[in-house]
Amino acid sequence: MTEEKRRFSRIVFKMAAELTASGAVHKVDEITNLSVGGCQLGIGVEIPSGTECTLLIILNPADRRMNVEVDGYIVRTEDGMVGVKFTSIGPEALTHLQNIIRYNSPDPDKIEEEIDEHPGLV
């Protein structure tokens, strides 16, 4: 049995995003899964593990201030899917991200406990 290493629960989040890595912007129709600590995206290209990146979760295309921007790095690429670990986020964006997870989770109480135990990204 594999030991679960994740600190945060993941949710399905069907919103568009943009992943910027190595100077290229990859448009994403929907986020495969999302947590406070990272996400998985289908981008159809291979990006080497360890590559620094920025993810923009597009909540409102008309008002960029409403979107969530987070820095991270690629932890894995497989079959056109990339896993991103988040490393840096502004306080307002962190609040937006936490609320996205809370309101889209089937178990918001569990999410609240995870956020209380780990108030940042790690």
PDB file of N, CA and C in Angstrom:
ATOM      1  N   MET A   1       0.836  -1.175   0.000  1.00  0.00           N
ATOM      2  CA  MET A   1       0.000   0.000   0.000  1.00  0.00           C
ATOM      3  C   MET A   1       0.886   1.245   0.000  1.00  0.00           C
ATOM      4  N   THR A   2       0.600   2.191  -0.856  1.00  0.00           N
ATOM      5  CA  THR A   2       1.383   3.409  -0.964  1.00  0.00           C
ATOM      6  C   THR A   2       0.951   4.407   0.095  1.00  0.00           C
ATOM      7  N   GLU A   3       1.931   4.982   0.787  1.00  0.00           N
ATOM      8  CA  GLU A   3       1.632   5.977   1.805  1.00  0.00           C
ATOM      9  C   GLU A   3       1.298   7.306   1.133  1.00  0.00           C
ATOM     10  N   GLU A   4       0.197   7.936   1.557  1.00  0.00           N
ATOM     11  CA  GLU A   4      -0.226   9.217   1.010  1.00  0.00           C
ATOM     12  C   GLU A   4       0.701  10.309   1.535  1.00  0.00           C
ATOM     13  N   LYS A   5       1.356  11.048   0.628  1.00  0.00           N
ATOM     14  CA  LYS A   5       2.295  12.101   1.006  1.00  0.00           C
ATOM     15  C   LYS A   5       1.680  13.485   0.900  1.00  0.00           C
ATOM     16  N   ARG A   6       0.524  13.599   0.299  1.00  0.00           N
ATOM     17  CA  ARG A   6      -0.101  14.902   0.105  1.00  0.00           C
ATOM     18  C   ARG A   6      -0.613  15.463   1.419  1.00  0.00           C
ATOM     19  N   ARG A   7      -0.410  16.770   1.594  1.00  0.00           N
ATOM     20  CA  ARG A   7      -0.917  17.454   2.782  1.00  0.00           C
ATOM     21  C   ARG A   7      -2.301  18.039   2.559  1.00  0.00           C
ATOM     22  N   PHE A   8      -2.660  18.232   1.296  1.00  0.00           N
ATOM     23  CA  PHE A   8      -3.915  18.893   0.967  1.00  0.00           C
ATOM     24  C   PHE A   8      -4.764  18.015   0.055  1.00  0.00           C
ATOM     25  N   SER A   9      -6.046  18.017   0.310  1.00  0.00           N
ATOM     26  CA  SER A   9      -6.989  17.305  -0.551  1.00  0.00           C
ATOM     27  C   SER A   9      -7.055  17.986  -1.911  1.00  0.00           C
ATOM     28  N   ARG A  10      -7.377  17.203  -2.920  1.00  0.00           N
ATOM     29  CA  ARG A  10      -7.489  17.729  -4.275  1.00  0.00           C
ATOM     30  C   ARG A  10      -8.955  17.745  -4.687  1.00  0.00           C
ATOM     31  N   ILE A  11      -9.260  18.714  -5.531  1.00  0.00           N
ATOM     32  CA  ILE A  11     -10.611  18.827  -6.070  1.00  0.00           C
ATOM     33  C   ILE A  11     -10.539  18.855  -7.590  1.00  0.00           C
ATOM     34  N   VAL A  12     -11.637  18.528  -8.228  1.00  0.00           N
ATOM     35  CA  VAL A  12     -11.770  18.724  -9.666  1.00  0.00           C
ATOM     36  C   VAL A  12     -12.182  20.175  -9.845  1.00  0.00           C
ATOM     37  N   PHE A  13     -11.504  20.886 -10.741  1.00  0.00           N
ATOM     38  CA  PHE A  13     -11.807  22.301 -10.930  1.00  0.00           C
ATOM     39  C   PHE A  13     -11.782  22.615 -12.412  1.00  0.00           C
ATOM     40  N   LYS A  14     -12.934  22.736 -12.994  1.00  0.00           N
ATOM     41  CA  LYS A  14     -13.074  22.877 -14.445  1.00  0.00           C
ATOM     42  C   LYS A  14     -13.042  24.337 -14.866  1.00  0.00           C
ATOM     43  N   MET A  15     -11.918  24.988 -14.612  1.00  0.00           N
ATOM     44  CA  MET A  15     -11.706  26.370 -15.032  1.00  0.00           C
ATOM     45  C   MET A  15     -10.464  26.419 -15.912  1.00  0.00           C
ATOM     46  N   ALA A  16     -10.429  27.408 -16.768  1.00  0.00           N
ATOM     47  CA  ALA A  16      -9.285  27.594 -17.657  1.00  0.00           C
ATOM     48  C   ALA A  16      -8.086  28.106 -16.868  1.00  0.00           C
ATOM     49  N   ALA A  17      -6.923  27.882 -17.439  1.00  0.00           N
ATOM     50  CA  ALA A  17      -5.682  28.342 -16.814  1.00  0.00           C
ATOM     51  C   ALA A  17      -4.633  28.558 -17.891  1.00  0.00           C
ATOM     52  N   GLU A  18      -3.566  29.217 -17.496  1.00  0.00           N
ATOM     53  CA  GLU A  18      -2.395  29.371 -18.354  1.00  0.00           C
ATOM     54  C   GLU A  18      -1.171  28.988 -17.525  1.00  0.00           C
ATOM     55  N   LEU A  19      -0.366  28.123 -18.086  1.00  0.00           N
ATOM     56  CA  LEU A  19       0.882  27.727 -17.447  1.00  0.00           C
ATOM     57  C   LEU A  19       2.022  28.321 -18.261  1.00  0.00           C
ATOM     58  N   THR A  20       2.837  29.135 -17.623  1.00  0.00           N
ATOM     59  CA  THR A  20       4.006  29.716 -18.272  1.00  0.00           C
ATOM     60  C   THR A  20       5.245  29.004 -17.742  1.00  0.00           C
ATOM     61  N   ALA A  21       5.994  28.393 -18.668  1.00  0.00           N
ATOM     62  CA  ALA A  21       7.218  27.675 -18.305  1.00  0.00           C
ATOM     63  C   ALA A  21       8.220  27.813 -19.437  1.00  0.00           C
ATOM     64  N   SER A  22       9.451  28.096 -19.097  1.00  0.00           N
ATOM     65  CA  SER A  22      10.520  28.247 -20.090  1.00  0.00           C
ATOM     66  C   SER A  22      10.145  29.238 -21.193  1.00  0.00           C
ATOM     67  N   GLY A  23       9.468  30.309 -20.821  1.00  0.00           N
ATOM     68  CA  GLY A  23       9.113  31.358 -21.772  1.00  0.00           C
ATOM     69  C   GLY A  23       7.917  31.069 -22.656  1.00  0.00           C
ATOM     70  N   ALA A  24       7.332  29.880 -22.540  1.00  0.00           N
ATOM     71  CA  ALA A  24       6.167  29.519 -23.354  1.00  0.00           C
ATOM     72  C   ALA A  24       4.905  29.536 -22.493  1.00  0.00           C
ATOM     73  N   VAL A  25       3.816  30.023 -23.077  1.00  0.00           N
ATOM     74  CA  VAL A  25       2.522  30.039 -22.381  1.00  0.00           C
ATOM     75  C   VAL A  25       1.678  28.904 -22.942  1.00  0.00           C
ATOM     76  N   HIS A  26       1.225  28.029 -22.056  1.00  0.00           N
ATOM     77  CA  HIS A  26       0.398  26.879 -22.431  1.00  0.00           C
ATOM     78  C   HIS A  26      -1.008  27.121 -21.910  1.00  0.00           C
ATOM     79  N   LYS A  27      -1.966  27.220 -22.821  1.00  0.00           N
ATOM     80  CA  LYS A  27      -3.364  27.423 -22.438  1.00  0.00           C
ATOM     81  C   LYS A  27      -3.967  26.078 -22.050  1.00  0.00           C
ATOM     82  N   VAL A  28      -4.732  26.096 -20.970  1.00  0.00           N
ATOM     83  CA  VAL A  28      -5.339  24.886 -20.426  1.00  0.00           C
ATOM     84  C   VAL A  28      -6.843  25.104 -20.356  1.00  0.00           C
ATOM     85  N   ASP A  29      -7.611  24.199 -20.927  1.00  0.00           N
ATOM     86  CA  ASP A  29      -9.071  24.327 -20.903  1.00  0.00           C
ATOM     87  C   ASP A  29      -9.645  24.118 -19.509  1.00  0.00           C
ATOM     88  N   GLU A  30      -9.067  23.172 -18.766  1.00  0.00           N
ATOM     89  CA  GLU A  30      -9.525  22.934 -17.404  1.00  0.00           C
ATOM     90  C   GLU A  30      -8.416  22.289 -16.584  1.00  0.00           C
ATOM     91  N   ILE A  31      -8.455  22.562 -15.309  1.00  0.00           N
ATOM     92  CA  ILE A  31      -7.491  22.005 -14.364  1.00  0.00           C
ATOM     93  C   ILE A  31      -7.989  20.614 -13.979  1.00  0.00           C
ATOM     94  N   THR A  32      -7.145  19.599 -14.145  1.00  0.00           N
ATOM     95  CA  THR A  32      -7.543  18.229 -13.839  1.00  0.00           C
ATOM     96  C   THR A  32      -7.823  18.059 -12.358  1.00  0.00           C
ATOM     97  N   ASN A  33      -6.903  18.518 -11.524  1.00  0.00           N
ATOM     98  CA  ASN A  33      -7.169  18.568 -10.093  1.00  0.00           C
ATOM     99  C   ASN A  33      -6.358  19.696  -9.475  1.00  0.00           C
ATOM    100  N   LEU A  34      -6.839  20.177  -8.347  1.00  0.00           N
ATOM    101  CA  LEU A  34      -6.276  21.367  -7.721  1.00  0.00           C
ATOM    102  C   LEU A  34      -6.288  21.202  -6.222  1.00  0.00           C
ATOM    103  N   SER A  35      -5.215  21.641  -5.580  1.00  0.00           N
ATOM    104  CA  SER A  35      -5.150  21.689  -4.123  1.00  0.00           C
ATOM    105  C   SER A  35      -4.446  22.982  -3.740  1.00  0.00           C
ATOM    106  N   VAL A  36      -4.367  23.238  -2.450  1.00  0.00           N
ATOM    107  CA  VAL A  36      -3.657  24.425  -1.988  1.00  0.00           C
ATOM    108  C   VAL A  36      -2.169  24.295  -2.280  1.00  0.00           C
ATOM    109  N   GLY A  37      -1.665  23.081  -2.408  1.00  0.00           N
ATOM    110  CA  GLY A  37      -0.235  22.872  -2.614  1.00  0.00           C
ATOM    111  C   GLY A  37       0.211  22.609  -4.034  1.00  0.00           C
ATOM    112  N   GLY A  38      -0.734  22.407  -4.962  1.00  0.00           N
ATOM    113  CA  GLY A  38      -0.334  22.118  -6.332  1.00  0.00           C
ATOM    114  C   GLY A  38      -1.512  21.750  -7.203  1.00  0.00           C
ATOM    115  N   CYS A  39      -1.208  21.288  -8.416  1.00  0.00           N
ATOM    116  CA  CYS A  39      -2.272  20.925  -9.340  1.00  0.00           C
ATOM    117  C   CYS A  39      -1.739  19.975 -10.400  1.00  0.00           C
ATOM    118  N   GLN A  40      -2.664  19.443 -11.183  1.00  0.00           N
ATOM    119  CA  GLN A  40      -2.332  18.642 -12.352  1.00  0.00           C
ATOM    120  C   GLN A  40      -3.086  19.236 -13.531  1.00  0.00           C
ATOM    121  N   LEU A  41      -2.374  19.365 -14.661  1.00  0.00           N
ATOM    122  CA  LEU A  41      -2.935  19.991 -15.855  1.00  0.00           C
ATOM    123  C   LEU A  41      -2.624  19.142 -17.071  1.00  0.00           C
ATOM    124  N   GLY A  42      -3.534  19.142 -18.003  1.00  0.00           N
ATOM    125  CA  GLY A  42      -3.268  18.518 -19.292  1.00  0.00           C
ATOM    126  C   GLY A  42      -2.833  19.588 -20.276  1.00  0.00           C
ATOM    127  N   ILE A  43      -1.566  19.569 -20.682  1.00  0.00           N
ATOM    128  CA  ILE A  43      -1.092  20.583 -21.629  1.00  0.00           C
ATOM    129  C   ILE A  43      -0.587  19.988 -22.932  1.00  0.00           C
ATOM    130  N   GLY A  44      -0.448  18.679 -22.981  1.00  0.00           N
ATOM    131  CA  GLY A  44      -0.089  18.028 -24.234  1.00  0.00           C
ATOM    132  C   GLY A  44       1.367  18.134 -24.642  1.00  0.00           C
ATOM    133  N   VAL A  45       2.213  18.721 -23.808  1.00  0.00           N
ATOM    134  CA  VAL A  45       3.643  18.796 -24.109  1.00  0.00           C
ATOM    135  C   VAL A  45       4.433  18.338 -22.893  1.00  0.00           C
ATOM    136  N   GLU A  46       5.644  17.913 -23.158  1.00  0.00           N
ATOM    137  CA  GLU A  46       6.531  17.483 -22.079  1.00  0.00           C
ATOM    138  C   GLU A  46       7.327  18.684 -21.573  1.00  0.00           C
ATOM    139  N   ILE A  47       7.339  18.891 -20.277  1.00  0.00           N
ATOM    140  CA  ILE A  47       8.158  19.922 -19.642  1.00  0.00           C
ATOM    141  C   ILE A  47       9.014  19.212 -18.605  1.00  0.00           C
ATOM    142  N   PRO A  48      10.320  19.409 -18.619  1.00  0.00           N
ATOM    143  CA  PRO A  48      11.184  18.694 -17.689  1.00  0.00           C
ATOM    144  C   PRO A  48      10.848  18.982 -16.220  1.00  0.00           C
ATOM    145  N   SER A  49      10.936  17.948 -15.412  1.00  0.00           N
ATOM    146  CA  SER A  49      10.757  18.117 -13.967  1.00  0.00           C
ATOM    147  C   SER A  49      11.766  19.137 -13.457  1.00  0.00           C
ATOM    148  N   GLY A  50      11.343  19.939 -12.506  1.00  0.00           N
ATOM    149  CA  GLY A  50      12.207  20.961 -11.930  1.00  0.00           C
ATOM    150  C   GLY A  50      12.092  22.312 -12.614  1.00  0.00           C
ATOM    151  N   THR A  51      11.416  22.369 -13.767  1.00  0.00           N
ATOM    152  CA  THR A  51      11.253  23.632 -14.479  1.00  0.00           C
ATOM    153  C   THR A  51      10.362  24.569 -13.675  1.00  0.00           C
ATOM    154  N   GLU A  52      10.843  25.782 -13.430  1.00  0.00           N
ATOM    155  CA  GLU A  52      10.033  26.774 -12.733  1.00  0.00           C
ATOM    156  C   GLU A  52       8.904  27.234 -13.644  1.00  0.00           C
ATOM    157  N   CYS A  53       7.772  27.567 -13.036  1.00  0.00           N
ATOM    158  CA  CYS A  53       6.609  27.952 -13.826  1.00  0.00           C
ATOM    159  C   CYS A  53       5.707  28.889 -13.034  1.00  0.00           C
ATOM    160  N   THR A  54       4.765  29.486 -13.739  1.00  0.00           N
ATOM    161  CA  THR A  54       3.729  30.303 -13.133  1.00  0.00           C
ATOM    162  C   THR A  54       2.392  29.816 -13.669  1.00  0.00           C
ATOM    163  N   LEU A  55       1.443  29.618 -12.763  1.00  0.00           N
ATOM    164  CA  LEU A  55       0.108  29.209 -13.150  1.00  0.00           C
ATOM    165  C   LEU A  55      -0.845  30.363 -12.911  1.00  0.00           C
ATOM    166  N   LEU A  56      -1.650  30.662 -13.910  1.00  0.00           N
ATOM    167  CA  LEU A  56      -2.700  31.666 -13.785  1.00  0.00           C
ATOM    168  C   LEU A  56      -4.028  30.939 -13.913  1.00  0.00           C
ATOM    169  N   ILE A  57      -4.793  30.912 -12.816  1.00  0.00           N
ATOM    170  CA  ILE A  57      -6.131  30.321 -12.827  1.00  0.00           C
ATOM    171  C   ILE A  57      -7.087  31.435 -13.223  1.00  0.00           C
ATOM    172  N   ILE A  58      -7.771  31.242 -14.328  1.00  0.00           N
ATOM    173  CA  ILE A  58      -8.587  32.309 -14.902  1.00  0.00           C
ATOM    174  C   ILE A  58     -10.016  32.204 -14.356  1.00  0.00           C
ATOM    175  N   LEU A  59     -10.297  33.027 -13.359  1.00  0.00           N
ATOM    176  CA  LEU A  59     -11.629  33.080 -12.771  1.00  0.00           C
ATOM    177  C   LEU A  59     -12.510  34.105 -13.478  1.00  0.00           C
ATOM    178  N   ASN A  60     -11.870  35.170 -13.977  1.00  0.00           N
ATOM    179  CA  ASN A  60     -12.605  36.231 -14.669  1.00  0.00           C
ATOM    180  C   ASN A  60     -11.726  36.766 -15.802  1.00  0.00           C
ATOM    181  N   PRO A  61     -11.958  36.330 -17.034  1.00  0.00           N
ATOM    182  CA  PRO A  61     -11.119  36.779 -18.150  1.00  0.00           C
ATOM    183  C   PRO A  61     -11.133  38.295 -18.355  1.00  0.00           C
ATOM    184  N   ALA A  62     -12.205  38.953 -17.949  1.00  0.00           N
ATOM    185  CA  ALA A  62     -12.325  40.400 -18.154  1.00  0.00           C
ATOM    186  C   ALA A  62     -11.581  41.218 -17.100  1.00  0.00           C
ATOM    187  N   ASP A  63     -11.268  40.616 -15.961  1.00  0.00           N
ATOM    188  CA  ASP A  63     -10.613  41.353 -14.878  1.00  0.00           C
ATOM    189  C   ASP A  63      -9.487  40.501 -14.299  1.00  0.00           C
ATOM    190  N   ARG A  64      -8.284  40.735 -14.790  1.00  0.00           N
ATOM    191  CA  ARG A  64      -7.121  39.926 -14.400  1.00  0.00           C
ATOM    192  C   ARG A  64      -6.873  39.946 -12.886  1.00  0.00           C
ATOM    193  N   ARG A  65      -7.315  41.003 -12.201  1.00  0.00           N
ATOM    194  CA  ARG A  65      -7.114  41.089 -10.742  1.00  0.00           C
ATOM    195  C   ARG A  65      -7.889  40.009  -9.992  1.00  0.00           C
ATOM    196  N   MET A  66      -8.935  39.483 -10.600  1.00  0.00           N
ATOM    197  CA  MET A  66      -9.758  38.452  -9.959  1.00  0.00           C
ATOM    198  C   MET A  66      -9.172  37.050 -10.128  1.00  0.00           C
ATOM    199  N   ASN A  67      -8.184  36.911 -10.989  1.00  0.00           N
ATOM    200  CA  ASN A  67      -7.566  35.616 -11.241  1.00  0.00           C
ATOM    201  C   ASN A  67      -6.558  35.285 -10.156  1.00  0.00           C
ATOM    202  N   VAL A  68      -6.188  34.021 -10.080  1.00  0.00           N
ATOM    203  CA  VAL A  68      -5.229  33.558  -9.083  1.00  0.00           C
ATOM    204  C   VAL A  68      -3.923  33.222  -9.793  1.00  0.00           C
ATOM    205  N   GLU A  69      -2.841  33.872  -9.378  1.00  0.00           N
ATOM    206  CA  GLU A  69      -1.520  33.596  -9.949  1.00  0.00           C
ATOM    207  C   GLU A  69      -0.629  33.008  -8.873  1.00  0.00           C
ATOM    208  N   VAL A  70       0.022  31.904  -9.204  1.00  0.00           N
ATOM    209  CA  VAL A  70       0.870  31.208  -8.244  1.00  0.00           C
ATOM    210  C   VAL A  70       2.123  30.700  -8.958  1.00  0.00           C
ATOM    211  N   ASP A  71       3.257  30.806  -8.284  1.00  0.00           N
ATOM    212  CA  ASP A  71       4.523  30.302  -8.818  1.00  0.00           C
ATOM    213  C   ASP A  71       4.754  28.889  -8.311  1.00  0.00           C
ATOM    214  N   GLY A  72       5.497  28.118  -9.092  1.00  0.00           N
ATOM    215  CA  GLY A  72       5.795  26.758  -8.689  1.00  0.00           C
ATOM    216  C   GLY A  72       6.844  26.141  -9.590  1.00  0.00           C
ATOM    217  N   TYR A  73       6.881  24.828  -9.577  1.00  0.00           N
ATOM    218  CA  TYR A  73       7.780  24.102 -10.465  1.00  0.00           C
ATOM    219  C   TYR A  73       7.133  22.773 -10.850  1.00  0.00           C
ATOM    220  N   ILE A  74       7.563  22.259 -11.982  1.00  0.00           N
ATOM    221  CA  ILE A  74       7.034  20.999 -12.501  1.00  0.00           C
ATOM    222  C   ILE A  74       7.626  19.851 -11.692  1.00  0.00           C
ATOM    223  N   VAL A  75       6.769  18.991 -11.153  1.00  0.00           N
ATOM    224  CA  VAL A  75       7.249  17.829 -10.401  1.00  0.00           C
ATOM    225  C   VAL A  75       7.213  16.558 -11.233  1.00  0.00           C
ATOM    226  N   ARG A  76       6.357  16.541 -12.271  1.00  0.00           N
ATOM    227  CA  ARG A  76       6.314  15.370 -13.149  1.00  0.00           C
ATOM    228  C   ARG A  76       5.580  15.721 -14.440  1.00  0.00           C
ATOM    229  N   THR A  77       5.921  15.005 -15.488  1.00  0.00           N
ATOM    230  CA  THR A  77       5.221  15.103 -16.768  1.00  0.00           C
ATOM    231  C   THR A  77       5.013  13.687 -17.265  1.00  0.00           C
ATOM    232  N   GLU A  78       3.773  13.379 -17.605  1.00  0.00           N
ATOM    233  CA  GLU A  78       3.471  12.031 -18.072  1.00  0.00           C
ATOM    234  C   GLU A  78       2.218  12.064 -18.943  1.00  0.00           C
ATOM    235  N   ASP A  79       2.311  11.519 -20.122  1.00  0.00           N
ATOM    236  CA  ASP A  79       1.167  11.417 -21.035  1.00  0.00           C
ATOM    237  C   ASP A  79       0.471  12.762 -21.259  1.00  0.00           C
ATOM    238  N   GLY A  80       1.255  13.810 -21.438  1.00  0.00           N
ATOM    239  CA  GLY A  80       0.686  15.131 -21.696  1.00  0.00           C
ATOM    240  C   GLY A  80       0.136  15.843 -20.486  1.00  0.00           C
ATOM    241  N   MET A  81       0.287  15.235 -19.311  1.00  0.00           N
ATOM    242  CA  MET A  81      -0.162  15.835 -18.056  1.00  0.00           C
ATOM    243  C   MET A  81       1.060  16.308 -17.283  1.00  0.00           C
ATOM    244  N   VAL A  82       0.935  17.464 -16.629  1.00  0.00           N
ATOM    245  CA  VAL A  82       2.016  17.942 -15.774  1.00  0.00           C
ATOM    246  C   VAL A  82       1.502  18.125 -14.361  1.00  0.00           C
ATOM    247  N   GLY A  83       2.353  17.798 -13.415  1.00  0.00           N
ATOM    248  CA  GLY A  83       2.080  18.046 -12.009  1.00  0.00           C
ATOM    249  C   GLY A  83       2.894  19.249 -11.583  1.00  0.00           C
ATOM    250  N   VAL A  84       2.253  20.200 -10.923  1.00  0.00           N
ATOM    251  CA  VAL A  84       2.905  21.427 -10.481  1.00  0.00           C
ATOM    252  C   VAL A  84       2.831  21.509  -8.963  1.00  0.00           C
ATOM    253  N   LYS A  85       3.958  21.775  -8.342  1.00  0.00           N
ATOM    254  CA  LYS A  85       3.993  22.059  -6.900  1.00  0.00           C
ATOM    255  C   LYS A  85       4.093  23.561  -6.749  1.00  0.00           C
ATOM    256  N   PHE A  86       3.190  24.128  -5.968  1.00  0.00           N
ATOM    257  CA  PHE A  86       3.186  25.566  -5.747  1.00  0.00           C
ATOM    258  C   PHE A  86       4.235  25.941  -4.712  1.00  0.00           C
ATOM    259  N   THR A  87       4.939  27.060  -4.967  1.00  0.00           N
ATOM    260  CA  THR A  87       5.988  27.497  -4.050  1.00  0.00           C
ATOM    261  C   THR A  87       5.796  28.913  -3.529  1.00  0.00           C
ATOM    262  N   SER A  88       5.068  29.750  -4.258  1.00  0.00           N
ATOM    263  CA  SER A  88       4.936  31.149  -3.859  1.00  0.00           C
ATOM    264  C   SER A  88       3.608  31.710  -4.368  1.00  0.00           C
ATOM    265  N   ILE A  89       2.939  32.453  -3.481  1.00  0.00           N
ATOM    266  CA  ILE A  89       1.663  33.053  -3.838  1.00  0.00           C
ATOM    267  C   ILE A  89       1.444  34.268  -2.948  1.00  0.00           C
ATOM    268  N   GLY A  90       0.825  35.293  -3.480  1.00  0.00           N
ATOM    269  CA  GLY A  90       0.509  36.472  -2.686  1.00  0.00           C
ATOM    270  C   GLY A  90      -0.621  36.186  -1.708  1.00  0.00           C
ATOM    271  N   PRO A  91      -0.737  36.988  -0.649  1.00  0.00           N
ATOM    272  CA  PRO A  91      -1.755  36.737   0.376  1.00  0.00           C
ATOM    273  C   PRO A  91      -3.188  36.750  -0.160  1.00  0.00           C
ATOM    274  N   GLU A  92      -3.504  37.701  -1.026  1.00  0.00           N
ATOM    275  CA  GLU A  92      -4.864  37.777  -1.569  1.00  0.00           C
ATOM    276  C   GLU A  92      -5.161  36.583  -2.470  1.00  0.00           C
ATOM    277  N   ALA A  93      -4.187  36.200  -3.298  1.00  0.00           N
ATOM    278  CA  ALA A  93      -4.362  35.044  -4.181  1.00  0.00           C
ATOM    279  C   ALA A  93      -4.487  33.757  -3.359  1.00  0.00           C
ATOM    280  N   LEU A  94      -3.735  33.666  -2.238  1.00  0.00           N
ATOM    281  CA  LEU A  94      -3.837  32.484  -1.377  1.00  0.00           C
ATOM    282  C   LEU A  94      -5.246  32.367  -0.809  1.00  0.00           C
ATOM    283  N   THR A  95      -5.815  33.480  -0.391  1.00  0.00           N
ATOM    284  CA  THR A  95      -7.186  33.469   0.123  1.00  0.00           C
ATOM    285  C   THR A  95      -8.156  33.002  -0.954  1.00  0.00           C
ATOM    286  N   HIS A  96      -8.000  33.518  -2.182  1.00  0.00           N
ATOM    287  CA  HIS A  96      -8.851  33.074  -3.301  1.00  0.00           C
ATOM    288  C   HIS A  96      -8.699  31.569  -3.521  1.00  0.00           C
ATOM    289  N   LEU A  97      -7.446  31.085  -3.547  1.00  0.00           N
ATOM    290  CA  LEU A  97      -7.183  29.666  -3.783  1.00  0.00           C
ATOM    291  C   LEU A  97      -7.827  28.811  -2.691  1.00  0.00           C
ATOM    292  N   GLN A  98      -7.639  29.205  -1.437  1.00  0.00           N
ATOM    293  CA  GLN A  98      -8.230  28.446  -0.331  1.00  0.00           C
ATOM    294  C   GLN A  98      -9.754  28.419  -0.447  1.00  0.00           C
ATOM    295  N   ASN A  99     -10.355  29.541  -0.824  1.00  0.00           N
ATOM    296  CA  ASN A  99     -11.816  29.581  -0.979  1.00  0.00           C
ATOM    297  C   ASN A  99     -12.288  28.703  -2.131  1.00  0.00           C
ATOM    298  N   ILE A 100     -11.531  28.681  -3.221  1.00  0.00           N
ATOM    299  CA  ILE A 100     -11.872  27.800  -4.342  1.00  0.00           C
ATOM    300  C   ILE A 100     -11.926  26.353  -3.860  1.00  0.00           C
ATOM    301  N   ILE A 101     -10.910  25.958  -3.109  1.00  0.00           N
ATOM    302  CA  ILE A 101     -10.836  24.579  -2.614  1.00  0.00           C
ATOM    303  C   ILE A 101     -11.989  24.306  -1.643  1.00  0.00           C
ATOM    304  N   ARG A 102     -12.206  25.206  -0.703  1.00  0.00           N
ATOM    305  CA  ARG A 102     -13.301  25.048   0.273  1.00  0.00           C
ATOM    306  C   ARG A 102     -14.653  24.847  -0.410  1.00  0.00           C
ATOM    307  N   TYR A 103     -14.979  25.747  -1.319  1.00  0.00           N
ATOM    308  CA  TYR A 103     -16.318  25.777  -1.898  1.00  0.00           C
ATOM    309  C   TYR A 103     -16.561  24.719  -2.958  1.00  0.00           C
ATOM    310  N   ASN A 104     -15.517  24.062  -3.418  1.00  0.00           N
ATOM    311  CA  ASN A 104     -15.669  23.022  -4.428  1.00  0.00           C
ATOM    312  C   ASN A 104     -15.392  21.623  -3.892  1.00  0.00           C
ATOM    313  N   SER A 105     -15.118  21.523  -2.618  1.00  0.00           N
ATOM    314  CA  SER A 105     -14.811  20.237  -2.010  1.00  0.00           C
ATOM    315  C   SER A 105     -16.081  19.545  -1.525  1.00  0.00           C
ATOM    316  N   PRO A 106     -16.124  18.214  -1.668  1.00  0.00           N
ATOM    317  CA  PRO A 106     -17.257  17.496  -1.090  1.00  0.00           C
ATOM    318  C   PRO A 106     -17.191  17.454   0.441  1.00  0.00           C
ATOM    319  N   ASP A 107     -16.016  17.787   1.012  1.00  0.00           N
ATOM    320  CA  ASP A 107     -15.845  17.776   2.468  1.00  0.00           C
ATOM    321  C   ASP A 107     -15.150  19.069   2.921  1.00  0.00           C
ATOM    322  N   PRO A 108     -15.890  20.198   2.960  1.00  0.00           N
ATOM    323  CA  PRO A 108     -15.277  21.477   3.319  1.00  0.00           C
ATOM    324  C   PRO A 108     -14.678  21.502   4.724  1.00  0.00           C
ATOM    325  N   ASP A 109     -15.213  20.690   5.643  1.00  0.00           N
ATOM    326  CA  ASP A 109     -14.657  20.652   6.997  1.00  0.00           C
ATOM    327  C   ASP A 109     -13.233  20.095   6.984  1.00  0.00           C
ATOM    328  N   LYS A 110     -13.004  19.081   6.163  1.00  0.00           N
ATOM    329  CA  LYS A 110     -11.656  18.511   6.033  1.00  0.00           C
ATOM    330  C   LYS A 110     -10.696  19.556   5.455  1.00  0.00           C
ATOM    331  N   ILE A 111     -11.163  20.299   4.459  1.00  0.00           N
ATOM    332  CA  ILE A 111     -10.334  21.346   3.856  1.00  0.00           C
ATOM    333  C   ILE A 111      -9.987  22.398   4.904  1.00  0.00           C
ATOM    334  N   GLU A 112     -10.959  22.785   5.695  1.00  0.00           N
ATOM    335  CA  GLU A 112     -10.728  23.779   6.747  1.00  0.00           C
ATOM    336  C   GLU A 112      -9.662  23.303   7.730  1.00  0.00           C
ATOM    337  N   GLU A 113      -9.719  22.026   8.098  1.00  0.00           N
ATOM    338  CA  GLU A 113      -8.711  21.451   8.999  1.00  0.00           C
ATOM    339  C   GLU A 113      -7.322  21.501   8.359  1.00  0.00           C
ATOM    340  N   GLU A 114      -7.239  21.148   7.069  1.00  0.00           N
ATOM    341  CA  GLU A 114      -5.949  21.165   6.377  1.00  0.00           C
ATOM    342  C   GLU A 114      -5.389  22.571   6.318  1.00  0.00           C
ATOM    343  N   ILE A 115      -6.213  23.561   6.044  1.00  0.00           N
ATOM    344  CA  ILE A 115      -5.760  24.946   5.975  1.00  0.00           C
ATOM    345  C   ILE A 115      -5.307  25.428   7.349  1.00  0.00           C
ATOM    346  N   ASP A 116      -6.047  25.038   8.394  1.00  0.00           N
ATOM    347  CA  ASP A 116      -5.654  25.420   9.755  1.00  0.00           C
ATOM    348  C   ASP A 116      -4.309  24.803  10.141  1.00  0.00           C
ATOM    349  N   GLU A 117      -4.078  23.536   9.735  1.00  0.00           N
ATOM    350  CA  GLU A 117      -2.829  22.843  10.051  1.00  0.00           C
ATOM    351  C   GLU A 117      -1.660  23.357   9.242  1.00  0.00           C
ATOM    352  N   HIS A 118      -1.915  23.797   8.007  1.00  0.00           N
ATOM    353  CA  HIS A 118      -0.876  24.268   7.090  1.00  0.00           C
ATOM    354  C   HIS A 118      -1.372  25.553   6.447  1.00  0.00           C
ATOM    355  N   PRO A 119      -1.247  26.697   7.126  1.00  0.00           N
ATOM    356  CA  PRO A 119      -1.845  27.928   6.618  1.00  0.00           C
ATOM    357  C   PRO A 119      -1.222  28.487   5.339  1.00  0.00           C
ATOM    358  N   GLY A 120      -0.058  28.032   4.943  1.00  0.00           N
ATOM    359  CA  GLY A 120       0.572  28.503   3.709  1.00  0.00           C
ATOM    360  C   GLY A 120       0.449  27.442   2.625  1.00  0.00           C
ATOM    361  N   LEU A 121       1.454  27.387   1.761  1.00  0.00           N
ATOM    362  CA  LEU A 121       1.448  26.421   0.669  1.00  0.00           C
ATOM    363  C   LEU A 121       2.021  25.077   1.067  1.00  0.00           C
ATOM    364  N   VAL A 122       2.862  25.041   2.107  1.00  0.00           N
ATOM    365  CA  VAL A 122       3.499  23.784   2.485  1.00  0.00           C
ATOM    366  C   VAL A 122       3.122  23.348   3.872  1.00  0.00           C
TER     367      VAL A 122
END
